[in-house]
C-alpha atoms as a PDB file:
ATOM      1  CA  UNK A   1       0.042   0.218  -0.095  1.00  0.00           C
ATOM      2  CA  UNK A   2       1.141   3.289  -1.046  1.00  0.00           C
ATOM      3  CA  UNK A   3       0.298   7.160   0.595  1.00  0.00           C
ATOM      4  CA  UNK A   4       0.523  10.564   0.634  1.00  0.00           C
ATOM      5  CA  UNK A   5       0.166  12.502   4.036  1.00  0.00           C
ATOM      6  CA  UNK A   6      -0.261  15.977   3.584  1.00  0.00           C
ATOM      7  CA  UNK A   7       0.068  18.599   6.263  1.00  0.00           C
ATOM      8  CA  UNK A   8      -1.074  21.911   6.416  1.00  0.00           C
ATOM      9  CA  UNK A   9      -0.204  24.374   9.786  1.00  0.00           C
ATOM     10  CA  UNK A  10      -1.267  27.935   8.402  1.00  0.00           C
ATOM     11  CA  UNK A  11      -1.944  29.492   5.259  1.00  0.00           C
ATOM     12  CA  UNK A  12       1.406  30.465   4.178  1.00  0.00           C
ATOM     13  CA  UNK A  13       5.004  30.354   5.407  1.00  0.00           C
ATOM     14  CA  UNK A  14       6.038  32.206   8.283  1.00  0.00           C
ATOM     15  CA  UNK A  15       8.802  33.862  10.093  1.00  0.00           C
ATOM     16  CA  UNK A  16      10.021  31.567  13.388  1.00  0.00           C
ATOM     17  CA  UNK A  17      11.064  34.327  15.353  1.00  0.00           C
ATOM     18  CA  UNK A  18       8.220  36.261  14.896  1.00  0.00           C
ATOM     19  CA  UNK A  19       5.568  33.428  15.157  1.00  0.00           C
ATOM     20  CA  UNK A  20       7.391  30.756  16.513  1.00  0.00           C
ATOM     21  CA  UNK A  21       5.810  29.209  19.867  1.00  0.00           C
ATOM     22  CA  UNK A  22       2.076  30.366  18.231  1.00  0.00           C
ATOM     23  CA  UNK A  23       1.351  27.614  16.066  1.00  0.00           C
ATOM     24  CA  UNK A  24       2.494  23.843  15.299  1.00  0.00           C
ATOM     25  CA  UNK A  25       4.885  23.324  12.828  1.00  0.00           C
ATOM     26  CA  UNK A  26       4.368  20.932  10.230  1.00  0.00           C
ATOM     27  CA  UNK A  27       7.344  19.731   9.695  1.00  0.00           C
ATOM     28  CA  UNK A  28       7.776  18.048  13.960  1.00  0.00           C
ATOM     29  CA  UNK A  29       3.838  17.000  13.726  1.00  0.00           C
ATOM     30  CA  UNK A  30       4.578  14.720  10.641  1.00  0.00           C
ATOM     31  CA  UNK A  31       8.055  13.557  11.976  1.00  0.00           C
ATOM     32  CA  UNK A  32       6.012  12.889  15.376  1.00  0.00           C
ATOM     33  CA  UNK A  33       3.403  10.837  13.312  1.00  0.00           C
ATOM     34  CA  UNK A  34       5.815   9.195  11.469  1.00  0.00           C
ATOM     35  CA  UNK A  35       8.009   8.274  14.510  1.00  0.00           C
ATOM     36  CA  UNK A  36       4.880   6.525  16.061  1.00  0.00           C
ATOM     37  CA  UNK A  37       4.825   4.149  13.555  1.00  0.00           C
ATOM     38  CA  UNK A  38       7.153   1.921  14.465  1.00  0.00           C
ATOM     39  CA  UNK A  39       8.934   0.731  18.276  1.00  0.00           C
ATOM     40  CA  UNK A  40      12.851   0.853  18.471  1.00  0.00           C
ATOM     41  CA  UNK A  41      12.540  -2.955  17.897  1.00  0.00           C
ATOM     42  CA  UNK A  42      11.428  -2.239  14.633  1.00  0.00           C
ATOM     43  CA  UNK A  43       7.898  -3.195  14.733  1.00  0.00           C
ATOM     44  CA  UNK A  44       4.927  -1.503  13.614  1.00  0.00           C
ATOM     45  CA  UNK A  45       2.957   0.195  15.590  1.00  0.00           C
ATOM     46  CA  UNK A  46      -0.476   0.364  13.672  1.00  0.00           C
ATOM     47  CA  UNK A  47      -3.252  -1.403  15.484  1.00  0.00           C
ATOM     48  CA  UNK A  48      -3.905  -4.949  13.740  1.00  0.00           C
ATOM     49  CA  UNK A  49      -1.100  -4.584  11.252  1.00  0.00           C
ATOM     50  CA  UNK A  50       0.080  -8.104  11.753  1.00  0.00           C
ATOM     51  CA  UNK A  51      -3.430  -9.864  12.289  1.00  0.00           C
ATOM     52  CA  UNK A  52      -3.613 -11.670   9.128  1.00  0.00           C
ATOM     53  CA  UNK A  53      -0.010 -12.198   8.436  1.00  0.00           C
ATOM     54  CA  UNK A  54       1.275 -15.936   7.561  1.00  0.00           C
ATOM     55  CA  UNK A  55       3.865 -16.828   9.723  1.00  0.00           C
ATOM     56  CA  UNK A  56       7.032 -18.591   8.345  1.00  0.00           C
ATOM     57  CA  UNK A  57       7.488 -22.429   8.562  1.00  0.00           C
ATOM     58  CA  UNK A  58      10.016 -24.289  10.169  1.00  0.00           C
ATOM     59  CA  UNK A  59      11.178 -25.474   6.446  1.00  0.00           C
ATOM     60  CA  UNK A  60      11.393 -22.452   5.339  1.00  0.00           C
ATOM     61  CA  UNK A  61      13.710 -21.315   8.188  1.00  0.00           C
ATOM     62  CA  UNK A  62      15.830 -24.486   7.996  1.00  0.00           C
ATOM     63  CA  UNK A  63      16.157 -23.854   4.243  1.00  0.00           C
ATOM     64  CA  UNK A  64      17.135 -20.053   4.426  1.00  0.00           C
ATOM     65  CA  UNK A  65      20.003 -20.931   7.026  1.00  0.00           C
ATOM     66  CA  UNK A  66      21.836 -23.627   4.581  1.00  0.00           C
ATOM     67  CA  UNK A  67      22.195 -19.683   2.134  1.00  0.00           C
ATOM     68  CA  UNK A  68      25.893 -18.646   1.911  1.00  0.00           C
ATOM     69  CA  UNK A  69      24.736 -15.348   3.702  1.00  0.00           C
ATOM     70  CA  UNK A  70      26.945 -12.931   5.396  1.00  0.00           C
ATOM     71  CA  UNK A  71      25.515 -10.053   7.510  1.00  0.00           C
ATOM     72  CA  UNK A  72      28.581  -8.068   8.307  1.00  0.00           C
ATOM     73  CA  UNK A  73      29.605  -8.435   4.238  1.00  0.00           C
ATOM     74  CA  UNK A  74      25.985  -7.244   3.406  1.00  0.00           C
ATOM     75  CA  UNK A  75      25.877  -4.826   5.564  1.00  0.00           C
ATOM     76  CA  UNK A  76      29.184  -3.214   3.748  1.00  0.00           C
ATOM     77  CA  UNK A  77      27.839  -3.774   0.512  1.00  0.00           C
ATOM     78  CA  UNK A  78      24.674  -1.742   1.144  1.00  0.00           C
ATOM     79  CA  UNK A  79      27.145   1.110   2.655  1.00  0.00           C
ATOM     80  CA  UNK A  80      25.082   0.815   5.791  1.00  0.00           C
ATOM     81  CA  UNK A  81      27.077   0.998   8.914  1.00  0.00           C
ATOM     82  CA  UNK A  82      24.516  -1.470  10.815  1.00  0.00           C
ATOM     83  CA  UNK A  83      21.743  -3.580   9.552  1.00  0.00           C
ATOM     84  CA  UNK A  84      18.114  -3.180  11.692  1.00  0.00           C
ATOM     85  CA  UNK A  85      14.971  -4.657  11.447  1.00  0.00           C
ATOM     86  CA  UNK A  86      11.727  -6.028  13.337  1.00  0.00           C
ATOM     87  CA  UNK A  87      13.267  -7.850  16.410  1.00  0.00           C
ATOM     88  CA  UNK A  88      13.295 -11.823  16.503  1.00  0.00           C
ATOM     89  CA  UNK A  89      13.581 -12.512  12.582  1.00  0.00           C
ATOM     90  CA  UNK A  90      16.788 -12.680  10.811  1.00  0.00           C
ATOM     91  CA  UNK A  91      17.959 -10.119   8.427  1.00  0.00           C
ATOM     92  CA  UNK A  92      16.571 -12.670   5.078  1.00  0.00           C
ATOM     93  CA  UNK A  93      13.563 -13.440   7.073  1.00  0.00           C
ATOM     94  CA  UNK A  94      12.382  -9.874   7.498  1.00  0.00           C
ATOM     95  CA  UNK A  95      13.623  -8.685   3.817  1.00  0.00           C
ATOM     96  CA  UNK A  96      11.516 -12.355   2.542  1.00  0.00           C
ATOM     97  CA  UNK A  97       8.659 -12.779   4.840  1.00  0.00           C
ATOM     98  CA  UNK A  98       7.910  -9.997   7.037  1.00  0.00           C
ATOM     99  CA  UNK A  99       5.767  -7.224   6.315  1.00  0.00           C
ATOM    100  CA  UNK A 100       7.142  -3.498   6.727  1.00  0.00           C
ATOM    101  CA  UNK A 101       6.261   0.488   6.866  1.00  0.00           C
ATOM    102  CA  UNK A 102       8.376   2.635   5.068  1.00  0.00           C
ATOM    103  CA  UNK A 103       9.161   6.095   4.542  1.00  0.00           C
ATOM    104  CA  UNK A 104       9.845   6.555   0.710  1.00  0.00           C
ATOM    105  CA  UNK A 105       9.894  10.632   0.874  1.00  0.00           C
ATOM    106  CA  UNK A 106       9.766  13.910   2.853  1.00  0.00           C
ATOM    107  CA  UNK A 107       9.225  17.434   1.521  1.00  0.00           C
ATOM    108  CA  UNK A 108       8.970  20.621   3.712  1.00  0.00           C
ATOM    109  CA  UNK A 109      10.003  24.012   4.571  1.00  0.00           C
ATOM    110  CA  UNK A 110      13.081  25.596   3.506  1.00  0.00           C
ATOM    111  CA  UNK A 111      15.776  23.395   2.171  1.00  0.00           C
ATOM    112  CA  UNK A 112      17.747  25.852  -0.018  1.00  0.00           C
ATOM    113  CA  UNK A 113      21.535  27.093   0.034  1.00  0.00           C
ATOM    114  CA  UNK A 114      21.785  29.033   3.375  1.00  0.00           C
ATOM    115  CA  UNK A 115      19.359  29.576   6.032  1.00  0.00           C
ATOM    116  CA  UNK A 116      15.887  30.822   6.163  1.00  0.00           C
ATOM    117  CA  UNK A 117      13.700  31.213   9.647  1.00  0.00           C
ATOM    118  CA  UNK A 118      11.127  29.639   8.361  1.00  0.00           C
ATOM    119  CA  UNK A 119       7.740  27.740  10.084  1.00  0.00           C
ATOM    120  CA  UNK A 120       6.370  25.740   6.849  1.00  0.00           C
ATOM    121  CA  UNK A 121       2.852  26.385   5.845  1.00  0.00           C
ATOM    122  CA  UNK A 122       2.904  23.014   4.392  1.00  0.00           C
ATOM    123  CA  UNK A 123       4.552  19.505   5.178  1.00  0.00           C
ATOM    124  CA  UNK A 124       4.397  16.186   3.262  1.00  0.00           C
ATOM    125  CA  UNK A 125       5.514  12.364   3.181  1.00  0.00           C
ATOM    126  CA  UNK A 126       4.833   9.399   0.902  1.00  0.00           C
ATOM    127  CA  UNK A 127       4.721   6.332   2.792  1.00  0.00           C
ATOM    128  CA  UNK A 128       4.462   2.469   1.805  1.00  0.00           C
ATOM    129  CA  UNK A 129       3.788  -0.768   3.537  1.00  0.00           C
ATOM    130  CA  UNK A 130       5.046  -3.813   2.106  1.00  0.00           C
ATOM    131  CA  UNK A 131       2.335  -6.643   2.599  1.00  0.00           C
ATOM    132  CA  UNK A 132       2.745 -10.543   3.002  1.00  0.00           C
ATOM    133  CA  UNK A 133       1.017 -13.551   2.768  1.00  0.00           C
ATOM    134  CA  UNK A 134      -2.297 -13.295   4.250  1.00  0.00           C
ATOM    135  CA  UNK A 135      -2.545  -9.349   4.244  1.00  0.00           C
ATOM    136  CA  UNK A 136      -5.446  -7.390   2.360  1.00  0.00           C
ATOM    137  CA  UNK A 137      -4.574  -4.347   0.903  1.00  0.00           C
ATOM    138  CA  UNK A 138      -7.822  -2.866   1.864  1.00  0.00           C
ATOM    139  CA  UNK A 139      -7.863  -3.623   5.308  1.00  0.00           C
ATOM    140  CA  UNK A 140      -4.386  -2.560   6.089  1.00  0.00           C
ATOM    141  CA  UNK A 141      -4.994   0.569   3.963  1.00  0.00           C
ATOM    142  CA  UNK A 142      -8.271   1.298   5.941  1.00  0.00           C
ATOM    143  CA  UNK A 143      -6.162   0.003   9.239  1.00  0.00           C
ATOM    144  CA  UNK A 144      -3.317   2.973   8.743  1.00  0.00           C
ATOM    145  CA  UNK A 145      -6.149   5.733   7.762  1.00  0.00           C
ATOM    146  CA  UNK A 146      -7.244   4.982  11.083  1.00  0.00           C
ATOM    147  CA  UNK A 147      -4.529   5.228  13.281  1.00  0.00           C
ATOM    148  CA  UNK A 148      -2.746   8.602  11.425  1.00  0.00           C
ATOM    149  CA  UNK A 149      -6.516  10.272  11.519  1.00  0.00           C
ATOM    150  CA  UNK A 150      -6.178   9.197  15.362  1.00  0.00           C
ATOM    151  CA  UNK A 151      -2.733  10.579  16.326  1.00  0.00           C
ATOM    152  CA  UNK A 152      -2.262  13.539  13.861  1.00  0.00           C
ATOM    153  CA  UNK A 153      -2.865  16.862  16.334  1.00  0.00           C
ATOM    154  CA  UNK A 154      -6.159  19.443  15.973  1.00  0.00           C
ATOM    155  CA  UNK A 155      -2.835  22.007  15.500  1.00  0.00           C
ATOM    156  CA  UNK A 156      -2.744  20.634  11.598  1.00  0.00           C
ATOM    157  CA  UNK A 157      -5.138  19.949   9.087  1.00  0.00           C
ATOM    158  CA  UNK A 158      -4.031  16.280   7.819  1.00  0.00           C
ATOM    159  CA  UNK A 159      -5.016  15.059   3.806  1.00  0.00           C
ATOM    160  CA  UNK A 160      -4.757  11.101   3.571  1.00  0.00           C
ATOM    161  CA  UNK A 161      -4.302  10.112  -0.137  1.00  0.00           C
ATOM    162  CA  UNK A 162      -4.089   6.474  -0.517  1.00  0.00           C
ATOM    163  CA  UNK A 163      -2.431   6.154  -3.979  1.00  0.00           C
ATOM    164  CA  UNK A 164      -2.266   2.661  -4.963  1.00  0.00           C
ATOM    165  CA  UNK A 165      -2.028  -0.652  -3.507  1.00  0.00           C
ATOM    166  CA  UNK A 166      -1.475  -4.533  -4.481  1.00  0.00           C
ATOM    167  CA  UNK A 167      -2.206  -8.098  -3.052  1.00  0.00           C
ATOM    168  CA  UNK A 168       0.095 -10.124  -1.723  1.00  0.00           C
ATOM    169  CA  UNK A 169       1.005 -13.350  -3.444  1.00  0.00           C
ATOM    170  CA  UNK A 170       2.801 -16.936  -2.941  1.00  0.00           C
ATOM    171  CA  UNK A 171       2.548 -19.918  -4.712  1.00  0.00           C
ATOM    172  CA  UNK A 172       3.658 -23.042  -1.995  1.00  0.00           C
ATOM    173  CA  UNK A 173       6.755 -24.751  -2.208  1.00  0.00           C
ATOM    174  CA  UNK A 174       5.133 -28.347  -2.670  1.00  0.00           C
ATOM    175  CA  UNK A 175       3.332 -27.278  -5.841  1.00  0.00           C
ATOM    176  CA  UNK A 176       3.970 -28.772  -8.726  1.00  0.00           C
ATOM    177  CA  UNK A 177       5.096 -26.716 -11.209  1.00  0.00           C
ATOM    178  CA  UNK A 178       7.472 -24.772  -8.438  1.00  0.00           C
ATOM    179  CA  UNK A 179       9.020 -28.300  -8.042  1.00  0.00           C
ATOM    180  CA  UNK A 180       9.240 -28.391 -11.589  1.00  0.00           C
ATOM    181  CA  UNK A 181      11.316 -25.201 -11.774  1.00  0.00           C
ATOM    182  CA  UNK A 182      13.432 -26.337  -9.252  1.00  0.00           C
ATOM    183  CA  UNK A 183      14.547 -29.426 -11.130  1.00  0.00           C
ATOM    184  CA  UNK A 184      15.063 -27.153 -14.358  1.00  0.00           C
ATOM    185  CA  UNK A 185      17.639 -24.367 -12.166  1.00  0.00           C
ATOM    186  CA  UNK A 186      19.497 -27.394 -11.062  1.00  0.00           C
ATOM    187  CA  UNK A 187      20.340 -28.545 -14.708  1.00  0.00           C
ATOM    188  CA  UNK A 188      20.663 -25.116 -15.651  1.00  0.00           C
ATOM    189  CA  UNK A 189      23.091 -24.008 -12.896  1.00  0.00           C
ATOM    190  CA  UNK A 190      24.395 -27.505 -11.370  1.00  0.00           C
ATOM    191  CA  UNK A 191      23.144 -26.262  -8.347  1.00  0.00           C
ATOM    192  CA  UNK A 192      20.090 -27.668  -5.648  1.00  0.00           C
ATOM    193  CA  UNK A 193      18.085 -24.597  -5.245  1.00  0.00           C
ATOM    194  CA  UNK A 194      16.788 -23.238  -1.969  1.00  0.00           C
ATOM    195  CA  UNK A 195      13.016 -22.021  -2.368  1.00  0.00           C
ATOM    196  CA  UNK A 196      12.948 -18.599  -0.716  1.00  0.00           C
ATOM    197  CA  UNK A 197      10.468 -15.417  -0.965  1.00  0.00           C
ATOM    198  CA  UNK A 198      10.715 -12.123  -2.498  1.00  0.00           C
ATOM    199  CA  UNK A 199       9.919  -8.369  -1.296  1.00  0.00           C
ATOM    200  CA  UNK A 200       9.548  -7.010  -4.869  1.00  0.00           C
ATOM    201  CA  UNK A 201       5.953  -6.575  -5.857  1.00  0.00           C
ATOM    202  CA  UNK A 202       4.383  -7.798  -9.156  1.00  0.00           C
ATOM    203  CA  UNK A 203       0.583  -7.429  -8.209  1.00  0.00           C
ATOM    204  CA  UNK A 204      -0.355  -8.632 -11.705  1.00  0.00           C
ATOM    205  CA  UNK A 205       1.088 -12.163 -10.758  1.00  0.00           C
ATOM    206  CA  UNK A 206      -1.946 -12.389  -7.803  1.00  0.00           C
ATOM    207  CA  UNK A 207      -4.617 -11.102 -10.285  1.00  0.00           C
ATOM    208  CA  UNK A 208      -3.309 -13.935 -13.102  1.00  0.00           C
ATOM    209  CA  UNK A 209      -3.679 -16.685 -10.267  1.00  0.00           C
ATOM    210  CA  UNK A 210      -7.346 -15.642  -8.851  1.00  0.00           C
ATOM    211  CA  UNK A 211      -8.909 -15.003 -12.542  1.00  0.00           C
ATOM    212  CA  UNK A 212      -7.324 -18.190 -14.031  1.00  0.00           C
ATOM    213  CA  UNK A 213      -7.092 -20.364 -11.173  1.00  0.00           C
ATOM    214  CA  UNK A 214      -3.772 -21.343 -12.330  1.00  0.00           C
ATOM    215  CA  UNK A 215      -0.331 -21.185 -10.043  1.00  0.00           C
ATOM    216  CA  UNK A 216       2.259 -18.923 -11.209  1.00  0.00           C
ATOM    217  CA  UNK A 217       5.695 -19.361 -10.944  1.00  0.00           C
ATOM    218  CA  UNK A 218       8.447 -16.612 -10.738  1.00  0.00           C
ATOM    219  CA  UNK A 219      11.746 -17.955 -12.279  1.00  0.00           C
ATOM    220  CA  UNK A 220      14.588 -15.415 -11.097  1.00  0.00           C
ATOM    221  CA  UNK A 221      17.824 -15.528 -12.132  1.00  0.00           C
ATOM    222  CA  UNK A 222      19.316 -12.215 -10.766  1.00  0.00           C
ATOM    223  CA  UNK A 223      21.700 -11.640  -7.169  1.00  0.00           C
ATOM    224  CA  UNK A 224      20.989  -9.335  -4.832  1.00  0.00           C
ATOM    225  CA  UNK A 225      23.866  -6.766  -5.746  1.00  0.00           C
ATOM    226  CA  UNK A 226      22.631  -6.101  -8.764  1.00  0.00           C
ATOM    227  CA  UNK A 227      21.298  -2.379  -8.089  1.00  0.00           C
ATOM    228  CA  UNK A 228      17.385  -2.766  -9.265  1.00  0.00           C
ATOM    229  CA  UNK A 229      15.888   0.061  -9.669  1.00  0.00           C
ATOM    230  CA  UNK A 230      19.441   1.937  -8.795  1.00  0.00           C
ATOM    231  CA  UNK A 231      22.115   3.397 -11.199  1.00  0.00           C
ATOM    232  CA  UNK A 232      24.126   0.842 -12.805  1.00  0.00           C
ATOM    233  CA  UNK A 233      21.621  -2.050 -12.974  1.00  0.00           C
ATOM    234  CA  UNK A 234      23.137  -4.994 -14.078  1.00  0.00           C
ATOM    235  CA  UNK A 235      22.611  -8.878 -15.067  1.00  0.00           C
ATOM    236  CA  UNK A 236      25.187 -11.283 -14.028  1.00  0.00           C
ATOM    237  CA  UNK A 237      26.014 -12.882 -17.600  1.00  0.00           C
ATOM    238  CA  UNK A 238      26.963 -15.833 -16.410  1.00  0.00           C
ATOM    239  CA  UNK A 239      23.418 -15.925 -15.113  1.00  0.00           C
ATOM    240  CA  UNK A 240      21.884 -14.999 -18.207  1.00  0.00           C
ATOM    241  CA  UNK A 241      23.369 -17.686 -19.976  1.00  0.00           C
ATOM    242  CA  UNK A 242      22.577 -20.436 -17.234  1.00  0.00           C
ATOM    243  CA  UNK A 243      18.783 -18.980 -16.737  1.00  0.00           C
ATOM    244  CA  UNK A 244      18.593 -19.717 -20.857  1.00  0.00           C
ATOM    245  CA  UNK A 245      19.157 -23.136 -20.637  1.00  0.00           C
ATOM    246  CA  UNK A 246      17.502 -23.428 -17.178  1.00  0.00           C
ATOM    247  CA  UNK A 247      14.457 -22.202 -18.794  1.00  0.00           C
ATOM    248  CA  UNK A 248      14.345 -24.371 -21.849  1.00  0.00           C
ATOM    249  CA  UNK A 249      14.794 -27.115 -19.297  1.00  0.00           C
ATOM    250  CA  UNK A 250      11.769 -25.768 -17.623  1.00  0.00           C
ATOM    251  CA  UNK A 251       9.287 -25.933 -20.527  1.00  0.00           C
ATOM    252  CA  UNK A 252      10.606 -29.844 -20.670  1.00  0.00           C
ATOM    253  CA  UNK A 253      10.038 -30.203 -16.761  1.00  0.00           C
ATOM    254  CA  UNK A 254       6.646 -28.495 -17.017  1.00  0.00           C
ATOM    255  CA  UNK A 255       5.690 -31.100 -20.332  1.00  0.00           C
ATOM    256  CA  UNK A 256       6.336 -34.104 -17.979  1.00  0.00           C
ATOM    257  CA  UNK A 257       4.791 -32.964 -15.301  1.00  0.00           C
ATOM    258  CA  UNK A 258       1.009 -34.071 -14.613  1.00  0.00           C
END
């Protein structure tokens, strides 16, 4: 789910020396609202947010532990001084299987060169929530809207705009077509694959599955360090070639699946 929050405090920007202490600062109010969305342990505080979350299976957790994942190297590659996320879960579990709340953009006040003592009239934030099975986007949107309106003070005008959303989706790992994809990948890459999840959104996949009544299989050959949606986005050439071979085997494996 994706939202835009707009706060207005006054009809125009005000001189902070002349009017400071008389009105609420929308930037400060917005920061306080956003700070109430998560606790210090990284858990989202929207009431009811986790009610329908499908928990990880023990099999999944055991499979993911097999992966050659190094948290220090992961943080270094991202340029992060230290990793952070919901307490009680590993980094891979948080990335692949847990819902999130993120602040995607902020705008408000004077941000140019130099100094300008201003109380901004308006402030804006764009926020998103990554959902997981079996969360419903409309329910989460309603819970978020109710929570924001409840905690927003009367000192500002609040506008909540629901921009877009999509259903979380997941095919069971024991599905015969997923297993066919696993065999194809093993033939294409010479390695037995680990079945994992992925936080990226392709909402139309859920629509395909619902309308057609057929399982969907996502067959990816990318790596986490390929800078998706960032400068220098790339695809490893060896993985590309392995993916071509595995894709050919996939059609053969699917043809043999009853």
